[in-house]
Structure formats: C-alpha cells, structure tokens
Amino acid sequence: VEDAAFSGLGRRSSEARVQADQEAEELHPARLYIDLLPGEATDDPLLAVCASTMLGVVDEVCRTHEGVATLSQIFEGMLNLGVSPDEVDEALDHLLTTELLLEIDDDVFVPCIG
C-alpha cells in the first residue's frame, strides 16, 4: 500500500525526535557546569554542581570574613546546603587540583581570580 500519509508519518516522527534531541541537548541545565568538570572524558555532574556550589560558599565567606575562608567555614556552608561530607571532600580536592581554589595557609582558602 503506497499511502503518502503513512510514509510521511514516519518521516515526521523521526524529524520531531531529532529536533527534540537537539533542543534537549542545547537547553540542558548541566551544560552550565561543564567547564568545572575535571576532564573532557569525565562525566560527573554531581562533582560539577558541588564544585560550583563550593565556589559560591567560599565567595560568600570571603566577603564576610576578611577575604579568606577556613576549612571549617567551607564545610559548615556546604553541610548547611545538604551536601554530604564525601562530596565536599571531592569538590575541595577538585578545586585545589584545578587551581580554582588556593590554600594560602593551613586550612585557609581563597578563590583564584583570573
């Protein structure tokens, strides 16, 4: 049976699926954090979100405490947001490794600017 309506249905369906996939890829909120991932081959969006959150916590603490953030202040801020201690450790390690956060004294940190 050669019915144009049926042959067009399959084409329209596959075109809609491709378009939906492209829109979902472009608009996904996790794309905001992609630069915070530790490497191109890494797929750890939780680390990216935790690292970004930690930078916010450090920034807030630095604004209210003489420009530095202590380890206990960082942990307190992250735990108050519901982040587990293991995730805090991993995010801190990542930010130190990528030099987005600098330890200027024992357990005293500042965000890297530029």
Protein backbone atom coordinates (compact mmCIF):
# COMPACT_ATOMS: atom_id res chain seq x y z
CA VAL A 1 0.00 0.00 0.00
CA GLU A 2 1.52 3.28 -1.15
CA ASP A 3 -0.20 5.87 1.01
CA ALA A 4 1.55 9.24 1.28
CA ALA A 5 0.04 9.86 4.71
CA PHE A 6 1.71 6.74 6.16
CA SER A 7 5.11 7.31 4.54
CA GLY A 8 5.08 10.95 5.71
CA LEU A 9 4.15 9.87 9.25
CA GLY A 10 7.43 8.02 9.75
CA ARG A 11 9.45 10.90 8.33
CA ARG A 12 7.69 13.49 10.53
CA SER A 13 8.12 11.29 13.60
CA SER A 14 11.86 10.86 13.09
CA GLU A 15 12.32 14.57 12.31
CA ALA A 16 10.47 15.51 15.52
CA ARG A 17 12.65 13.11 17.54
CA VAL A 18 15.87 14.59 16.11
CA GLN A 19 14.64 18.13 16.80
CA ALA A 20 13.65 17.23 20.39
CA ASP A 21 17.06 15.64 21.00
CA GLN A 22 18.83 18.77 19.71
CA GLU A 23 16.70 21.07 21.87
CA ALA A 24 17.24 18.94 24.96
CA GLU A 25 20.99 18.94 24.38
CA GLU A 26 21.14 22.71 23.90
CA LEU A 27 18.95 23.61 26.88
CA HIS A 28 20.06 21.10 29.50
CA PRO A 29 20.97 22.96 32.72
CA ALA A 30 24.03 20.77 33.35
CA ARG A 31 25.74 22.46 30.43
CA LEU A 32 26.32 25.46 32.74
CA TYR A 33 28.72 23.36 34.81
CA ILE A 34 30.64 21.63 32.04
CA ASP A 35 33.73 23.84 32.49
CA LEU A 36 34.04 22.72 36.10
CA LEU A 37 34.41 19.04 35.23
CA PRO A 38 37.90 17.67 35.84
CA GLY A 39 38.46 16.46 32.26
CA GLU A 40 36.83 16.06 28.90
CA ALA A 41 36.29 12.33 29.39
CA THR A 42 34.77 12.74 32.86
CA ASP A 43 31.04 12.56 33.33
CA ASP A 44 30.41 13.61 36.92
CA PRO A 45 27.74 16.31 37.01
CA LEU A 46 27.39 15.99 40.80
CA LEU A 47 31.05 16.98 41.18
CA ALA A 48 30.49 19.94 38.87
CA VAL A 49 27.47 21.12 40.86
CA CYS A 50 29.24 20.64 44.20
CA ALA A 51 32.35 22.45 42.98
CA SER A 52 30.27 25.35 41.68
CA THR A 53 28.34 25.49 44.95
CA MET A 54 31.57 25.43 46.93
CA LEU A 55 32.92 28.38 44.97
CA GLY A 56 29.75 30.26 45.92
CA VAL A 57 30.16 29.33 49.58
CA VAL A 58 33.82 30.39 49.55
CA ASP A 59 32.94 33.67 47.84
CA GLU A 60 30.24 34.41 50.42
CA VAL A 61 32.52 33.56 53.35
CA CYS A 62 35.34 35.65 51.89
CA ARG A 63 33.03 38.67 51.58
CA THR A 64 32.10 38.47 55.25
CA HIS A 65 35.36 37.21 56.84
CA GLU A 66 38.36 39.32 55.84
CA GLY A 67 38.74 37.86 52.33
CA VAL A 68 39.51 34.26 53.33
CA ALA A 69 37.56 31.10 54.05
CA THR A 70 38.62 28.45 56.54
CA LEU A 71 38.06 24.75 56.02
CA SER A 72 35.51 24.65 58.83
CA GLN A 73 33.56 27.57 57.30
CA ILE A 74 33.51 25.86 53.92
CA PHE A 75 32.33 22.56 55.41
CA GLU A 76 29.70 24.31 57.52
CA GLY A 77 28.35 26.18 54.49
CA MET A 78 28.24 23.07 52.31
CA LEU A 79 26.70 20.85 55.01
CA ASN A 80 24.04 23.50 55.63
CA LEU A 81 23.12 23.15 51.94
CA GLY A 82 22.72 19.38 52.34
CA VAL A 83 25.94 18.30 50.62
CA SER A 84 27.47 15.14 52.05
CA PRO A 85 30.95 15.32 53.62
CA ASP A 86 32.33 12.94 50.96
CA GLU A 87 31.09 15.21 48.18
CA VAL A 88 32.56 18.24 49.98
CA ASP A 89 35.94 16.49 50.13
CA GLU A 90 35.78 15.56 46.45
CA ALA A 91 34.77 19.08 45.38
CA LEU A 92 37.52 20.65 47.51
CA ASP A 93 40.12 18.29 46.05
CA HIS A 94 38.93 19.08 42.53
CA LEU A 95 39.01 22.85 43.07
CA LEU A 96 42.51 22.68 44.57
CA THR A 97 43.77 20.42 41.77
CA THR A 98 42.39 22.68 39.06
CA GLU A 99 43.65 25.75 40.95
CA LEU A 100 40.22 27.36 41.12
CA LEU A 101 40.74 27.50 44.89
CA LEU A 102 44.06 28.23 46.57
CA GLU A 103 45.19 27.20 50.04
CA ILE A 104 47.17 30.18 51.34
CA ASP A 105 47.75 28.80 54.85
CA ASP A 106 46.84 25.63 56.75
CA ASP A 107 43.10 25.16 56.11
CA VAL A 108 42.72 28.75 54.85
CA PHE A 109 41.50 29.26 51.28
CA VAL A 110 40.80 31.95 48.70
CA PRO A 111 39.23 31.63 45.25
CA CYS A 112 41.61 32.04 42.34
CA ILE A 113 40.81 35.21 40.43
CA GLY A 114 41.56 35.07 36.72
